[in-house]
PDB file of N, CA and C in Angstrom:
ATOM      1  N   MET A   1      25.476  42.667 -28.173  1.00  0.00           N
ATOM      2  CA  MET A   1      24.943  41.074 -27.116  1.00  0.00           C
ATOM      3  C   MET A   1      23.662  40.939 -27.298  1.00  0.00           C
ATOM      4  N   SER A   2      23.010  41.839 -28.100  1.00  0.00           N
ATOM      5  CA  SER A   2      21.382  41.385 -28.718  1.00  0.00           C
ATOM      6  C   SER A   2      21.976  40.305 -29.712  1.00  0.00           C
ATOM      7  N   ASP A   3      22.575  40.405 -30.597  1.00  0.00           N
ATOM      8  CA  ASP A   3      22.794  39.636 -31.894  1.00  0.00           C
ATOM      9  C   ASP A   3      23.205  38.423 -30.758  1.00  0.00           C
ATOM     10  N   LEU A   4      24.121  38.072 -29.692  1.00  0.00           N
ATOM     11  CA  LEU A   4      24.319  36.928 -29.212  1.00  0.00           C
ATOM     12  C   LEU A   4      23.121  36.076 -28.290  1.00  0.00           C
ATOM     13  N   ILE A   5      22.528  36.950 -27.692  1.00  0.00           N
ATOM     14  CA  ILE A   5      21.088  36.093 -27.534  1.00  0.00           C
ATOM     15  C   ILE A   5      20.417  35.893 -28.365  1.00  0.00           C
ATOM     16  N   ARG A   6      19.908  36.353 -29.664  1.00  0.00           N
ATOM     17  CA  ARG A   6      19.290  36.289 -30.815  1.00  0.00           C
ATOM     18  C   ARG A   6      19.574  35.286 -31.543  1.00  0.00           C
ATOM     19  N   ALA A   7      20.771  34.705 -31.776  1.00  0.00           N
ATOM     20  CA  ALA A   7      21.544  33.959 -32.262  1.00  0.00           C
ATOM     21  C   ALA A   7      21.727  32.490 -31.313  1.00  0.00           C
ATOM     22  N   LEU A   8      21.523  32.916 -29.654  1.00  0.00           N
ATOM     23  CA  LEU A   8      21.671  31.815 -28.862  1.00  0.00           C
ATOM     24  C   LEU A   8      20.093  31.624 -28.966  1.00  0.00           C
ATOM     25  N   ALA A   9      19.027  31.830 -29.270  1.00  0.00           N
ATOM     26  CA  ALA A   9      17.842  32.151 -29.140  1.00  0.00           C
ATOM     27  C   ALA A   9      17.667  30.778 -30.620  1.00  0.00           C
ATOM     28  N   LEU A  10      18.078  31.247 -31.826  1.00  0.00           N
ATOM     29  CA  LEU A  10      17.545  30.847 -33.004  1.00  0.00           C
ATOM     30  C   LEU A  10      18.139  29.427 -32.437  1.00  0.00           C
ATOM     31  N   TRP A  11      19.256  29.352 -32.004  1.00  0.00           N
ATOM     32  CA  TRP A  11      19.902  27.716 -31.971  1.00  0.00           C
ATOM     33  C   TRP A  11      19.356  26.405 -31.066  1.00  0.00           C
ATOM     34  N   ALA A  12      18.622  27.433 -30.059  1.00  0.00           N
ATOM     35  CA  ALA A  12      17.633  26.754 -29.124  1.00  0.00           C
ATOM     36  C   ALA A  12      16.679  26.105 -29.744  1.00  0.00           C
ATOM     37  N   ARG A  13      15.884  27.074 -30.702  1.00  0.00           N
ATOM     38  CA  ARG A  13      14.381  26.717 -31.389  1.00  0.00           C
ATOM     39  C   ARG A  13      14.843  26.128 -32.573  1.00  0.00           C
ATOM     40  N   LEU A  14      15.955  25.536 -33.161  1.00  0.00           N
ATOM     41  CA  LEU A  14      16.276  24.861 -34.154  1.00  0.00           C
ATOM     42  C   LEU A  14      16.499  23.334 -33.628  1.00  0.00           C
ATOM     43  N   LEU A  15      17.156  23.665 -32.595  1.00  0.00           N
ATOM     44  CA  LEU A  15      17.927  22.491 -31.344  1.00  0.00           C
ATOM     45  C   LEU A  15      16.092  21.509 -31.105  1.00  0.00           C
ATOM     46  N   LEU A  16      15.488  22.443 -30.800  1.00  0.00           N
ATOM     47  CA  LEU A  16      14.646  21.683 -29.758  1.00  0.00           C
ATOM     48  C   LEU A  16      13.290  21.737 -30.645  1.00  0.00           C
ATOM     49  N   ALA A  17      13.170  22.562 -31.505  1.00  0.00           N
ATOM     50  CA  ALA A  17      11.719  22.845 -32.102  1.00  0.00           C
ATOM     51  C   ALA A  17      11.596  21.311 -33.405  1.00  0.00           C
ATOM     52  N   PRO A  18      10.590  20.736 -33.507  1.00  0.00           N
ATOM     53  CA  PRO A  18      10.398  19.349 -34.501  1.00  0.00           C
ATOM     54  C   PRO A  18      10.198  20.569 -35.980  1.00  0.00           C
ATOM     55  N   THR A  19      10.942  19.498 -36.866  1.00  0.00           N
ATOM     56  CA  THR A  19      11.053  20.598 -38.470  1.00  0.00           C
ATOM     57  C   THR A  19       9.879  20.045 -39.478  1.00  0.00           C
ATOM     58  N   PRO A  20       9.565  20.681 -39.795  1.00  0.00           N
ATOM     59  CA  PRO A  20       8.445  21.289 -40.429  1.00  0.00           C
ATOM     60  C   PRO A  20       8.273  19.938 -41.381  1.00  0.00           C
ATOM     61  N   GLY A  21       8.660  18.956 -42.005  1.00  0.00           N
ATOM     62  CA  GLY A  21       8.633  18.048 -42.786  1.00  0.00           C
ATOM     63  C   GLY A  21       8.156  17.088 -41.918  1.00  0.00           C
ATOM     64  N   ASN A  22       8.341  16.748 -40.631  1.00  0.00           N
ATOM     65  CA  ASN A  22       7.865  15.302 -40.032  1.00  0.00           C
ATOM     66  C   ASN A  22       6.916  15.694 -38.982  1.00  0.00           C
ATOM     67  N   ARG A  23       6.171  16.750 -39.620  1.00  0.00           N
ATOM     68  CA  ARG A  23       5.349  16.951 -38.478  1.00  0.00           C
ATOM     69  C   ARG A  23       3.545  16.096 -38.575  1.00  0.00           C
ATOM     70  N   HIS A  24       3.550  16.164 -39.904  1.00  0.00           N
ATOM     71  CA  HIS A  24       2.301  15.211 -39.894  1.00  0.00           C
ATOM     72  C   HIS A  24       2.807  13.855 -40.709  1.00  0.00           C
ATOM     73  N   ARG A  25       3.310  12.720 -40.401  1.00  0.00           N
ATOM     74  CA  ARG A  25       3.615  11.734 -41.689  1.00  0.00           C
ATOM     75  C   ARG A  25       2.545  10.830 -41.694  1.00  0.00           C
ATOM     76  N   THR A  26       2.232  10.531 -42.719  1.00  0.00           N
ATOM     77  CA  THR A  26       1.338   9.601 -43.392  1.00  0.00           C
ATOM     78  C   THR A  26       1.606   8.084 -43.104  1.00  0.00           C
ATOM     79  N   ARG A  27       0.989   7.115 -42.883  1.00  0.00           N
ATOM     80  CA  ARG A  27       0.956   5.550 -42.237  1.00  0.00           C
ATOM     81  C   ARG A  27       1.224   5.042 -43.808  1.00  0.00           C
ATOM     82  N   THR A  28       1.799   3.807 -43.749  1.00  0.00           N
ATOM     83  CA  THR A  28       2.102   3.157 -44.670  1.00  0.00           C
ATOM     84  C   THR A  28       1.045   2.168 -44.843  1.00  0.00           C
ATOM     85  N   THR A  29      -0.013   1.818 -44.120  1.00  0.00           N
ATOM     86  CA  THR A  29      -1.127   1.120 -44.294  1.00  0.00           C
ATOM     87  C   THR A  29      -2.336   1.586 -43.363  1.00  0.00           C
ATOM     88  N   ALA A  30      -3.273   2.037 -44.101  1.00  0.00           N
ATOM     89  CA  ALA A  30      -4.843   2.902 -43.582  1.00  0.00           C
ATOM     90  C   ALA A  30      -5.099   1.806 -43.070  1.00  0.00           C
ATOM     91  N   PHE A  31      -5.178   0.415 -42.888  1.00  0.00           N
ATOM     92  CA  PHE A  31      -6.024  -0.766 -42.698  1.00  0.00           C
ATOM     93  C   PHE A  31      -5.119  -1.658 -42.487  1.00  0.00           C
ATOM     94  N   ARG A  32      -5.084  -1.927 -40.933  1.00  0.00           N
ATOM     95  CA  ARG A  32      -4.178  -3.159 -41.010  1.00  0.00           C
ATOM     96  C   ARG A  32      -5.094  -4.638 -40.602  1.00  0.00           C
ATOM     97  N   PRO A  33      -5.536  -5.568 -41.456  1.00  0.00           N
ATOM     98  CA  PRO A  33      -6.232  -6.830 -41.101  1.00  0.00           C
ATOM     99  C   PRO A  33      -5.849  -7.007 -39.422  1.00  0.00           C
ATOM    100  N   ALA A  34      -7.105  -7.550 -39.067  1.00  0.00           N
ATOM    101  CA  ALA A  34      -6.648  -8.242 -37.491  1.00  0.00           C
ATOM    102  C   ALA A  34      -5.916  -9.809 -37.935  1.00  0.00           C
ATOM    103  N   ARG A  35      -5.205 -10.016 -37.026  1.00  0.00           N
ATOM    104  CA  ARG A  35      -4.456 -11.435 -36.733  1.00  0.00           C
ATOM    105  C   ARG A  35      -5.195 -12.935 -36.382  1.00  0.00           C
ATOM    106  N   PRO A  36      -4.965 -13.480 -37.052  1.00  0.00           N
ATOM    107  CA  PRO A  36      -5.915 -14.869 -36.379  1.00  0.00           C
ATOM    108  C   PRO A  36      -5.235 -15.357 -35.022  1.00  0.00           C
ATOM    109  N   THR A  37      -6.321 -15.280 -34.304  1.00  0.00           N
ATOM    110  CA  THR A  37      -5.838 -16.364 -32.995  1.00  0.00           C
ATOM    111  C   THR A  37      -5.789 -17.733 -32.845  1.00  0.00           C
ATOM    112  N   ALA A  38      -5.482 -18.461 -32.582  1.00  0.00           N
ATOM    113  CA  ALA A  38      -5.350 -19.557 -31.952  1.00  0.00           C
ATOM    114  C   ALA A  38      -6.429 -20.147 -30.980  1.00  0.00           C
ATOM    115  N   THR A  39      -6.722 -18.943 -29.872  1.00  0.00           N
ATOM    116  CA  THR A  39      -7.065 -19.277 -28.902  1.00  0.00           C
ATOM    117  C   THR A  39      -8.755 -18.862 -29.194  1.00  0.00           C
ATOM    118  N   ALA A  40      -9.839 -19.063 -28.836  1.00  0.00           N
ATOM    119  CA  ALA A  40     -10.700 -18.416 -28.971  1.00  0.00           C
ATOM    120  C   ALA A  40     -10.988 -17.338 -27.877  1.00  0.00           C
ATOM    121  N   PRO A  41     -11.129 -15.891 -27.903  1.00  0.00           N
ATOM    122  CA  PRO A  41     -11.437 -14.961 -27.065  1.00  0.00           C
ATOM    123  C   PRO A  41     -12.551 -15.336 -25.907  1.00  0.00           C
ATOM    124  N   ARG A  42     -12.081 -15.229 -24.530  1.00  0.00           N
ATOM    125  CA  ARG A  42     -13.416 -15.134 -23.669  1.00  0.00           C
ATOM    126  C   ARG A  42     -13.748 -14.472 -22.702  1.00  0.00           C
ATOM    127  N   PRO A  43     -15.202 -14.675 -22.617  1.00  0.00           N
ATOM    128  CA  PRO A  43     -16.117 -13.946 -21.948  1.00  0.00           C
ATOM    129  C   PRO A  43     -15.727 -13.160 -20.974  1.00  0.00           C
ATOM    130  N   LEU A  44     -15.236 -12.059 -20.791  1.00  0.00           N
ATOM    131  CA  LEU A  44     -14.946 -11.424 -19.358  1.00  0.00           C
ATOM    132  C   LEU A  44     -16.160 -11.085 -18.115  1.00  0.00           C
ATOM    133  N   ALA A  45     -17.096 -11.095 -18.834  1.00  0.00           N
ATOM    134  CA  ALA A  45     -18.124 -10.670 -17.879  1.00  0.00           C
ATOM    135  C   ALA A  45     -19.051 -11.624 -16.973  1.00  0.00           C
ATOM    136  N   GLU A  46     -18.691 -12.881 -17.837  1.00  0.00           N
ATOM    137  CA  GLU A  46     -19.481 -14.120 -17.486  1.00  0.00           C
ATOM    138  C   GLU A  46     -18.092 -15.018 -16.343  1.00  0.00           C
ATOM    139  N   ALA A  47     -16.873 -14.426 -16.524  1.00  0.00           N
ATOM    140  CA  ALA A  47     -15.681 -15.548 -16.367  1.00  0.00           C
ATOM    141  C   ALA A  47     -15.643 -14.860 -14.614  1.00  0.00           C
ATOM    142  N   ARG A  48     -15.913 -13.865 -14.120  1.00  0.00           N
ATOM    143  CA  ARG A  48     -15.562 -13.684 -12.431  1.00  0.00           C
ATOM    144  C   ARG A  48     -16.899 -13.293 -12.016  1.00  0.00           C
ATOM    145  N   PRO A  49     -17.018 -13.674 -10.951  1.00  0.00           N
ATOM    146  CA  PRO A  49     -18.646 -13.020 -10.468  1.00  0.00           C
ATOM    147  C   PRO A  49     -18.356 -11.861  -9.764  1.00  0.00           C
ATOM    148  N   LEU A  50     -19.239 -11.399 -10.074  1.00  0.00           N
ATOM    149  CA  LEU A  50     -19.490  -9.777  -9.448  1.00  0.00           C
ATOM    150  C   LEU A  50     -19.524  -9.755  -7.628  1.00  0.00           C
ATOM    151  N   THR A  51     -18.538  -9.492  -6.841  1.00  0.00           N
ATOM    152  CA  THR A  51     -18.510  -9.486  -5.447  1.00  0.00           C
ATOM    153  C   THR A  51     -17.896  -8.035  -5.520  1.00  0.00           C
ATOM    154  N   PRO A  52     -18.961  -7.626  -3.975  1.00  0.00           N
ATOM    155  CA  PRO A  52     -18.735  -6.076  -3.721  1.00  0.00           C
ATOM    156  C   PRO A  52     -17.170  -5.925  -3.588  1.00  0.00           C
ATOM    157  N   ARG A  53     -16.190  -4.651  -3.309  1.00  0.00           N
ATOM    158  CA  ARG A  53     -14.686  -4.952  -3.016  1.00  0.00           C
ATOM    159  C   ARG A  53     -14.747  -4.007  -1.916  1.00  0.00           C
ATOM    160  N   SER A  54     -15.677  -3.079  -1.329  1.00  0.00           N
ATOM    161  CA  SER A  54     -15.527  -2.564  -0.229  1.00  0.00           C
ATOM    162  C   SER A  54     -15.978  -3.437   0.908  1.00  0.00           C
ATOM    163  N   PRO A  55     -15.386  -3.085   2.017  1.00  0.00           N
ATOM    164  CA  PRO A  55     -16.489  -3.921   3.137  1.00  0.00           C
ATOM    165  C   PRO A  55     -17.447  -3.214   3.498  1.00  0.00           C
ATOM    166  N   TYR A  56     -17.540  -1.682   3.353  1.00  0.00           N
ATOM    167  CA  TYR A  56     -18.346  -1.030   3.331  1.00  0.00           C
ATOM    168  C   TYR A  56     -20.525  -1.707   2.739  1.00  0.00           C
ATOM    169  N   GLY A  57     -19.893  -2.605   1.736  1.00  0.00           N
ATOM    170  CA  GLY A  57     -21.074  -3.071   0.513  1.00  0.00           C
ATOM    171  C   GLY A  57     -21.474  -4.312   0.624  1.00  0.00           C
ATOM    172  N   LEU A  58     -20.973  -5.059   1.792  1.00  0.00           N
ATOM    173  CA  LEU A  58     -21.227  -6.573   2.577  1.00  0.00           C
ATOM    174  C   LEU A  58     -22.564  -6.838   3.152  1.00  0.00           C
ATOM    175  N   ASP A  59     -23.400  -7.630   2.931  1.00  0.00           N
ATOM    176  CA  ASP A  59     -24.297  -7.663   3.441  1.00  0.00           C
ATOM    177  C   ASP A  59     -24.531  -8.589   5.140  1.00  0.00           C
ATOM    178  N   ALA A  60     -22.838  -9.062   5.318  1.00  0.00           N
ATOM    179  CA  ALA A  60     -22.812  -9.838   6.389  1.00  0.00           C
ATOM    180  C   ALA A  60     -22.258  -8.759   7.388  1.00  0.00           C
ATOM    181  N   PRO A  61     -22.660  -8.716   8.535  1.00  0.00           N
ATOM    182  CA  PRO A  61     -21.757  -7.750   9.217  1.00  0.00           C
ATOM    183  C   PRO A  61     -20.277  -8.370  10.085  1.00  0.00           C
ATOM    184  N   LEU A  62     -19.670  -7.421   9.940  1.00  0.00           N
ATOM    185  CA  LEU A  62     -17.833  -7.583   9.816  1.00  0.00           C
ATOM    186  C   LEU A  62     -17.521  -8.414  11.683  1.00  0.00           C
ATOM    187  N   ASN A  63     -16.768  -8.955  11.242  1.00  0.00           N
ATOM    188  CA  ASN A  63     -16.658  -9.822  12.424  1.00  0.00           C
ATOM    189  C   ASN A  63     -15.393  -9.129  13.382  1.00  0.00           C
ATOM    190  N   ALA A  64     -15.564  -8.735  14.662  1.00  0.00           N
ATOM    191  CA  ALA A  64     -15.052  -7.757  15.636  1.00  0.00           C
ATOM    192  C   ALA A  64     -13.406  -8.900  15.817  1.00  0.00           C
ATOM    193  N   GLU A  65     -13.323 -10.236  15.823  1.00  0.00           N
ATOM    194  CA  GLU A  65     -12.284 -10.703  16.021  1.00  0.00           C
ATOM    195  C   GLU A  65     -11.456 -10.719  15.151  1.00  0.00           C
ATOM    196  N   ASP A  66     -11.897 -10.682  13.724  1.00  0.00           N
ATOM    197  CA  ASP A  66     -10.779 -10.549  12.345  1.00  0.00           C
ATOM    198  C   ASP A  66     -10.662  -9.226  12.080  1.00  0.00           C
ATOM    199  N   THR A  67     -11.193  -8.283  12.070  1.00  0.00           N
ATOM    200  CA  THR A  67     -10.834  -6.704  11.961  1.00  0.00           C
ATOM    201  C   THR A  67     -10.516  -6.205  13.481  1.00  0.00           C
ATOM    202  N   ALA A  68      -9.747  -5.095  13.201  1.00  0.00           N
ATOM    203  CA  ALA A  68      -8.910  -3.782  14.079  1.00  0.00           C
ATOM    204  C   ALA A  68      -9.523  -3.035  14.244  1.00  0.00           C
ATOM    205  N   MET A  69     -10.281  -2.804  15.515  1.00  0.00           N
ATOM    206  CA  MET A  69     -11.276  -1.634  15.769  1.00  0.00           C
ATOM    207  C   MET A  69     -10.697  -0.728  16.811  1.00  0.00           C
ATOM    208  N   VAL A  70      -9.176  -1.207  17.048  1.00  0.00           N
ATOM    209  CA  VAL A  70      -8.835  -0.049  17.769  1.00  0.00           C
ATOM    210  C   VAL A  70      -7.213   0.044  17.030  1.00  0.00           C
ATOM    211  N   ARG A  71      -6.835   1.840  17.036  1.00  0.00           N
ATOM    212  CA  ARG A  71      -5.942   2.112  16.246  1.00  0.00           C
ATOM    213  C   ARG A  71      -4.492   1.480  17.111  1.00  0.00           C
ATOM    214  N   PRO A  72      -3.600   0.784  16.191  1.00  0.00           N
ATOM    215  CA  PRO A  72      -2.788   0.234  16.495  1.00  0.00           C
ATOM    216  C   PRO A  72      -1.722   0.644  17.724  1.00  0.00           C
ATOM    217  N   TYR A  73      -1.370   2.058  17.584  1.00  0.00           N
ATOM    218  CA  TYR A  73      -0.844   3.058  18.365  1.00  0.00           C
ATOM    219  C   TYR A  73      -1.114   3.029  19.782  1.00  0.00           C
ATOM    220  N   LEU A  74      -2.741   2.878  19.631  1.00  0.00           N
ATOM    221  CA  LEU A  74      -3.433   2.426  21.188  1.00  0.00           C
ATOM    222  C   LEU A  74      -2.778   1.039  21.605  1.00  0.00           C
ATOM    223  N   LEU A  75      -2.919   0.176  20.996  1.00  0.00           N
ATOM    224  CA  LEU A  75      -2.346  -1.051  21.351  1.00  0.00           C
ATOM    225  C   LEU A  75      -0.638  -0.935  21.963  1.00  0.00           C
ATOM    226  N   ALA A  76      -0.106  -0.424  21.212  1.00  0.00           N
ATOM    227  CA  ALA A  76       1.545  -0.102  21.560  1.00  0.00           C
ATOM    228  C   ALA A  76       1.791   0.057  22.771  1.00  0.00           C
ATOM    229  N   HIS A  77       0.901   1.191  22.857  1.00  0.00           N
ATOM    230  CA  HIS A  77       0.765   2.450  24.174  1.00  0.00           C
ATOM    231  C   HIS A  77       0.041   1.134  25.347  1.00  0.00           C
ATOM    232  N   GLU A  78      -0.511   0.620  25.376  1.00  0.00           N
ATOM    233  CA  GLU A  78      -1.104  -0.578  26.517  1.00  0.00           C
ATOM    234  C   GLU A  78      -0.127  -1.828  27.049  1.00  0.00           C
ATOM    235  N   ARG A  79       0.601  -2.196  25.637  1.00  0.00           N
ATOM    236  CA  ARG A  79       1.797  -2.880  25.392  1.00  0.00           C
ATOM    237  C   ARG A  79       2.740  -2.779  26.114  1.00  0.00           C
ATOM    238  N   ARG A  80       3.164  -1.315  26.037  1.00  0.00           N
ATOM    239  CA  ARG A  80       4.131  -0.956  26.538  1.00  0.00           C
ATOM    240  C   ARG A  80       4.457  -0.898  28.229  1.00  0.00           C
ATOM    241  N   ALA A  81       3.035   0.118  28.148  1.00  0.00           N
ATOM    242  CA  ALA A  81       2.664  -0.087  30.259  1.00  0.00           C
ATOM    243  C   ALA A  81       2.764  -1.291  30.605  1.00  0.00           C
ATOM    244  N   HIS A  82       2.054  -2.456  29.891  1.00  0.00           N
ATOM    245  CA  HIS A  82       2.003  -3.799  30.364  1.00  0.00           C
ATOM    246  C   HIS A  82       3.736  -4.098  30.812  1.00  0.00           C
ATOM    247  N   GLN A  83       4.759  -4.272  29.553  1.00  0.00           N
ATOM    248  CA  GLN A  83       5.789  -4.556  29.559  1.00  0.00           C
ATOM    249  C   GLN A  83       6.486  -3.790  30.666  1.00  0.00           C
ATOM    250  N   LEU A  84       6.214  -2.331  31.196  1.00  0.00           N
ATOM    251  CA  LEU A  84       6.802  -1.949  32.234  1.00  0.00           C
ATOM    252  C   LEU A  84       6.437  -2.460  33.526  1.00  0.00           C
ATOM    253  N   HIS A  85       5.310  -2.682  33.651  1.00  0.00           N
ATOM    254  CA  HIS A  85       4.874  -3.156  34.895  1.00  0.00           C
ATOM    255  C   HIS A  85       5.435  -4.336  34.809  1.00  0.00           C
ATOM    256  N   ARG A  86       5.462  -5.451  33.966  1.00  0.00           N
ATOM    257  CA  ARG A  86       6.041  -6.480  34.359  1.00  0.00           C
ATOM    258  C   ARG A  86       7.489  -6.259  34.788  1.00  0.00           C
ATOM    259  N   ARG A  87       8.227  -5.707  34.329  1.00  0.00           N
ATOM    260  CA  ARG A  87       9.805  -5.097  34.783  1.00  0.00           C
ATOM    261  C   ARG A  87       9.971  -4.701  35.921  1.00  0.00           C
ATOM    262  N   ILE A  88       8.798  -3.736  36.358  1.00  0.00           N
ATOM    263  CA  ILE A  88       9.093  -3.077  37.831  1.00  0.00           C
ATOM    264  C   ILE A  88       8.739  -4.654  38.667  1.00  0.00           C
ATOM    265  N   ALA A  89       7.886  -5.596  38.137  1.00  0.00           N
ATOM    266  CA  ALA A  89       7.534  -6.685  38.973  1.00  0.00           C
ATOM    267  C   ALA A  89       9.131  -7.373  39.459  1.00  0.00           C
ATOM    268  N   LEU A  90       9.486  -7.436  37.899  1.00  0.00           N
ATOM    269  CA  LEU A  90      10.509  -8.310  38.310  1.00  0.00           C
ATOM    270  C   LEU A  90      11.825  -7.546  39.290  1.00  0.00           C
ATOM    271  N   VAL A  91      12.163  -6.201  38.739  1.00  0.00           N
ATOM    272  CA  VAL A  91      13.215  -5.491  39.580  1.00  0.00           C
ATOM    273  C   VAL A  91      13.031  -5.532  41.258  1.00  0.00           C
ATOM    274  N   LEU A  92      11.325  -5.537  41.389  1.00  0.00           N
ATOM    275  CA  LEU A  92      11.301  -5.778  42.914  1.00  0.00           C
ATOM    276  C   LEU A  92      11.187  -7.099  43.876  1.00  0.00           C
ATOM    277  N   ALA A  93      11.031  -7.947  42.889  1.00  0.00           N
ATOM    278  CA  ALA A  93      11.177  -9.295  43.059  1.00  0.00           C
ATOM    279  C   ALA A  93      12.380  -9.514  43.620  1.00  0.00           C
ATOM    280  N   ALA A  94      13.269  -9.566  42.200  1.00  0.00           N
ATOM    281  CA  ALA A  94      14.665 -10.098  42.559  1.00  0.00           C
ATOM    282  C   ALA A  94      15.868  -9.435  43.179  1.00  0.00           C
ATOM    283  N   ASP A  95      15.148  -7.874  43.211  1.00  0.00           N
ATOM    284  CA  ASP A  95      15.768  -6.855  44.645  1.00  0.00           C
ATOM    285  C   ASP A  95      15.423  -7.004  45.794  1.00  0.00           C
ATOM    286  N   PHE A  96      14.404  -7.043  46.206  1.00  0.00           N
ATOM    287  CA  PHE A  96      13.708  -6.695  47.531  1.00  0.00           C
ATOM    288  C   PHE A  96      13.054  -7.917  47.541  1.00  0.00           C
ATOM    289  N   GLY A  97      12.730  -8.806  46.876  1.00  0.00           N
ATOM    290  CA  GLY A  97      11.910 -10.008  47.560  1.00  0.00           C
ATOM    291  C   GLY A  97      10.264  -9.613  47.683  1.00  0.00           C
ATOM    292  N   ILE A  98      10.000  -8.380  46.987  1.00  0.00           N
ATOM    293  CA  ILE A  98       8.740  -8.167  46.723  1.00  0.00           C
ATOM    294  C   ILE A  98       8.043  -8.875  45.375  1.00  0.00           C
ATOM    295  N   ASP A  99       7.390  -9.488  45.681  1.00  0.00           N
ATOM    296  CA  ASP A  99       6.493 -10.446  44.650  1.00  0.00           C
ATOM    297  C   ASP A  99       5.055  -9.936  44.196  1.00  0.00           C
ATOM    298  N   LEU A 100       4.978  -8.756  42.877  1.00  0.00           N
ATOM    299  CA  LEU A 100       3.462  -8.171  42.656  1.00  0.00           C
ATOM    300  C   LEU A 100       2.895  -9.268  41.495  1.00  0.00           C
ATOM    301  N   ASP A 101       3.401 -10.365  41.200  1.00  0.00           N
ATOM    302  CA  ASP A 101       2.689 -11.074  40.323  1.00  0.00           C
ATOM    303  C   ASP A 101       1.577 -12.258  40.954  1.00  0.00           C
ATOM    304  N   THR A 102       0.481 -11.833  40.375  1.00  0.00           N
ATOM    305  CA  THR A 102      -0.599 -12.655  40.297  1.00  0.00           C
ATOM    306  C   THR A 102      -1.487 -14.162  39.832  1.00  0.00           C
ATOM    307  N   ARG A 103      -0.407 -13.954  38.729  1.00  0.00           N
ATOM    308  CA  ARG A 103      -0.396 -14.925  37.734  1.00  0.00           C
ATOM    309  C   ARG A 103      -0.647 -16.328  38.397  1.00  0.00           C
ATOM    310  N   ASP A 104      -1.085 -17.401  37.671  1.00  0.00           N
ATOM    311  CA  ASP A 104      -1.137 -18.890  38.129  1.00  0.00           C
ATOM    312  C   ASP A 104       0.465 -19.845  37.468  1.00  0.00           C
ATOM    313  N   VAL A 105       0.873 -19.987  38.772  1.00  0.00           N
ATOM    314  CA  VAL A 105       2.208 -21.131  37.840  1.00  0.00           C
ATOM    315  C   VAL A 105       2.071 -22.233  38.050  1.00  0.00           C
ATOM    316  N   HIS A 106       2.290 -23.285  37.582  1.00  0.00           N
ATOM    317  CA  HIS A 106       1.666 -24.850  37.141  1.00  0.00           C
ATOM    318  C   HIS A 106       0.328 -24.771  37.644  1.00  0.00           C
ATOM    319  N   GLY A 107      -0.674 -24.184  38.065  1.00  0.00           N
ATOM    320  CA  GLY A 107      -1.680 -24.589  38.850  1.00  0.00           C
ATOM    321  C   GLY A 107      -2.033 -23.870  39.861  1.00  0.00           C
ATOM    322  N   LEU A 108      -0.976 -23.230  40.557  1.00  0.00           N
ATOM    323  CA  LEU A 108      -1.157 -22.908  41.770  1.00  0.00           C
ATOM    324  C   LEU A 108      -0.815 -21.333  42.086  1.00  0.00           C
ATOM    325  N   GLY A 109      -1.615 -20.765  42.624  1.00  0.00           N
ATOM    326  CA  GLY A 109      -1.727 -19.545  42.753  1.00  0.00           C
ATOM    327  C   GLY A 109      -0.338 -18.420  43.520  1.00  0.00           C
ATOM    328  N   VAL A 110       0.301 -17.749  42.892  1.00  0.00           N
ATOM    329  CA  VAL A 110       1.492 -16.702  43.228  1.00  0.00           C
ATOM    330  C   VAL A 110       0.973 -15.896  43.994  1.00  0.00           C
ATOM    331  N   ALA A 111       1.968 -15.390  45.376  1.00  0.00           N
ATOM    332  CA  ALA A 111       1.548 -14.594  45.859  1.00  0.00           C
ATOM    333  C   ALA A 111       0.250 -14.114  46.564  1.00  0.00           C
TER     334      ALA A 111
END
């Protein structure tokens, strides 16, 4: 049994290990000259202006109308509550004739 394990270990080592002759290959050319380019290299630092990437690095204050200051799940909860209120008002108006709506319709007050 020990010979079988030793034979399998030797086979795996020969299969997976690199061969000793291929470990340090020499390159064919030690120095390769640069290829001439058709276009001139562009300067990287002057091409784009340096702008802060973080909103905390801006000098101008943030506009509250452009940014979401409230978590989206809170807004979703309020929307669902408003939608539920509208559904209840519709059911009460359709089934029982009770109008809970206080919005203006065509410029006239309702209810």
